[in-house]
Protein backbone atom coordinates (compact mmCIF):
# COMPACT_ATOMS: atom_id res chain seq x y z
CA UNK A 1 3.04 13.10 -19.47
CA UNK A 2 5.92 12.62 -17.03
CA UNK A 3 7.05 15.37 -14.68
CA UNK A 4 10.03 15.36 -12.36
CA UNK A 5 9.91 17.06 -8.98
CA UNK A 6 12.38 17.31 -6.11
CA UNK A 7 11.24 16.63 -2.53
CA UNK A 8 13.65 16.78 0.40
CA UNK A 9 16.64 15.53 -1.57
CA UNK A 10 14.88 12.65 -3.33
CA UNK A 11 13.30 12.77 -6.74
CA UNK A 12 9.94 11.34 -7.70
CA UNK A 13 8.46 10.94 -11.17
CA UNK A 14 4.77 11.74 -11.32
CA UNK A 15 3.06 9.38 -13.71
CA UNK A 16 -0.65 10.07 -13.36
CA UNK A 17 -0.86 13.36 -11.53
CA UNK A 18 1.10 16.40 -10.49
CA UNK A 19 -0.25 15.94 -6.96
CA UNK A 20 1.86 14.11 -4.36
CA UNK A 21 0.90 13.16 -0.83
CA UNK A 22 3.95 13.46 1.44
CA UNK A 23 4.24 11.74 4.81
CA UNK A 24 7.28 13.25 6.48
CA UNK A 25 9.86 11.61 8.72
CA UNK A 26 8.67 11.63 12.34
CA UNK A 27 5.03 11.15 11.31
CA UNK A 28 3.31 7.90 12.32
CA UNK A 29 -0.06 6.93 10.87
CA UNK A 30 -2.17 4.00 12.06
CA UNK A 31 -4.88 2.98 9.59
CA UNK A 32 -5.35 2.21 5.92
CA UNK A 33 -4.58 4.76 3.20
CA UNK A 34 -6.35 4.97 -0.18
CA UNK A 35 -4.99 7.52 -2.65
CA UNK A 36 -5.51 8.52 -6.27
CA UNK A 37 -2.32 10.61 -6.14
CA UNK A 38 1.31 9.56 -5.85
CA UNK A 39 2.71 9.00 -2.34
CA UNK A 40 6.10 9.85 -0.87
CA UNK A 41 6.51 8.14 2.50
CA UNK A 42 9.32 9.21 4.83
CA UNK A 43 7.40 8.40 8.03
CA UNK A 44 5.80 5.20 9.37
CA UNK A 45 2.50 3.67 8.27
CA UNK A 46 0.83 0.91 10.31
CA UNK A 47 -1.85 -0.18 7.86
CA UNK A 48 -2.50 -1.08 4.25
CA UNK A 49 -1.92 1.28 1.32
CA UNK A 50 -3.82 1.27 -1.96
CA UNK A 51 -2.68 3.81 -4.56
CA UNK A 52 -3.60 4.31 -8.21
CA UNK A 53 -0.23 5.98 -8.85
CA UNK A 54 3.38 5.61 -7.72
CA UNK A 55 4.44 4.98 -4.13
CA UNK A 56 7.95 5.96 -3.08
CA UNK A 57 9.20 4.85 0.33
CA UNK A 58 12.21 6.96 1.33
CA UNK A 59 15.14 5.73 3.43
CA UNK A 60 13.36 6.70 6.68
CA UNK A 61 10.01 5.35 5.50
CA UNK A 62 8.44 2.19 6.91
CA UNK A 63 5.19 0.36 6.15
CA UNK A 64 3.77 -2.36 8.38
CA UNK A 65 1.01 -3.60 6.08
CA UNK A 66 0.24 -4.49 2.50
CA UNK A 67 0.97 -2.24 -0.48
CA UNK A 68 -1.08 -2.22 -3.70
CA UNK A 69 -0.12 0.32 -6.39
CA UNK A 70 0.86 0.85 -10.03
CA UNK A 71 4.60 1.50 -9.49
CA UNK A 72 6.77 1.47 -6.36
CA UNK A 73 10.29 2.70 -5.60
CA UNK A 74 11.47 1.50 -2.20
CA UNK A 75 14.49 2.72 -0.24
CA UNK A 76 13.04 2.04 3.22
CA UNK A 77 11.32 -0.91 4.91
CA UNK A 78 8.11 -2.82 4.28
CA UNK A 79 6.70 -5.72 6.28
CA UNK A 80 3.75 -7.06 4.29
CA UNK A 81 2.65 -8.16 0.85
CA UNK A 82 3.36 -6.08 -2.26
CA UNK A 83 1.08 -6.16 -5.30
CA UNK A 84 2.56 -3.88 -7.95
CA UNK A 85 0.76 -3.52 -11.26
CA UNK A 86 3.81 -2.49 -13.27
CA UNK A 87 7.35 -1.76 -11.96
CA UNK A 88 8.83 -2.40 -8.51
CA UNK A 89 12.29 -0.99 -7.74
CA UNK A 90 14.10 -2.15 -4.60
CA UNK A 91 16.97 0.25 -3.91
CA UNK A 92 20.16 -0.86 -2.12
CA UNK A 93 18.80 0.29 1.27
CA UNK A 94 15.41 -1.48 0.90
CA UNK A 95 14.34 -4.05 3.52
CA UNK A 96 11.33 -6.16 2.45
CA UNK A 97 9.70 -8.98 4.44
CA UNK A 98 6.75 -10.33 2.49
CA UNK A 99 5.58 -11.78 -0.79
CA UNK A 100 5.75 -9.80 -4.03
CA UNK A 101 3.57 -9.85 -7.15
CA UNK A 102 4.70 -7.57 -9.96
CA UNK A 103 5.06 -7.29 -13.72
CA UNK A 104 8.64 -5.90 -13.65
CA UNK A 105 11.24 -6.04 -10.87
CA UNK A 106 14.53 -4.18 -10.41
CA UNK A 107 16.63 -5.08 -7.34
CA UNK A 108 19.81 -3.15 -6.58
CA UNK A 109 22.78 -4.84 -4.93
CA UNK A 110 22.47 -4.65 -1.15
CA UNK A 111 18.66 -4.75 -1.01
CA UNK A 112 17.17 -7.28 1.42
CA UNK A 113 14.15 -9.34 0.38
CA UNK A 114 12.63 -12.21 2.37
CA UNK A 115 9.59 -13.85 0.78
CA UNK A 116 8.26 -15.27 -2.47
CA UNK A 117 8.02 -13.43 -5.76
CA UNK A 118 5.52 -14.01 -8.57
CA UNK A 119 6.18 -12.28 -11.87
CA UNK A 120 2.85 -11.50 -13.55
CA UNK A 121 2.41 -11.77 -17.29
CA UNK A 122 1.48 -8.66 -19.25
CA UNK A 123 -2.19 -8.61 -20.16
CA UNK A 124 -2.73 -8.92 -23.88
CA UNK A 125 -4.62 -5.93 -25.24
CA UNK A 126 -5.47 -7.46 -28.59
CA UNK A 127 -7.51 -10.63 -28.72
CA UNK A 128 -8.15 -12.62 -31.84
CA UNK A 129 -11.54 -14.16 -32.36
CA UNK A 130 -12.38 -16.16 -35.44
CA UNK A 131 -15.81 -17.36 -36.37
CA UNK A 132 -15.31 -20.62 -38.18
CA UNK A 133 -18.07 -22.86 -39.40
CA UNK A 134 -17.49 -26.46 -40.40
CA UNK A 135 -19.95 -28.42 -42.54
């Protein structure tokens, strides 16, 4: 079930939960973050982030560290590696310095990206196994 909420002029789609952790502009956190809820980052994080939901980095948001999550929507800056399980969106104001691994990628005109990108293949959910005997 998808829900749409408005936070400080930017919208976020909640994919796995109706709970959102918000790090406001002017807030600086040093250390790693692990979250089962979606994240909206308007402040600065100096550390790695691991999230089992969606991470949105607003225009004032900045991450100095690696990001691992299901989906990401980036308007701000990130200096580190990105490992996105599904969809990564780089908005026109995004500034990325680091390697990317993702299944799907959407880059708007004006976004800055410096690094390598590896597009992952979707994992097959159905496997075929045949038991064949030869005489």
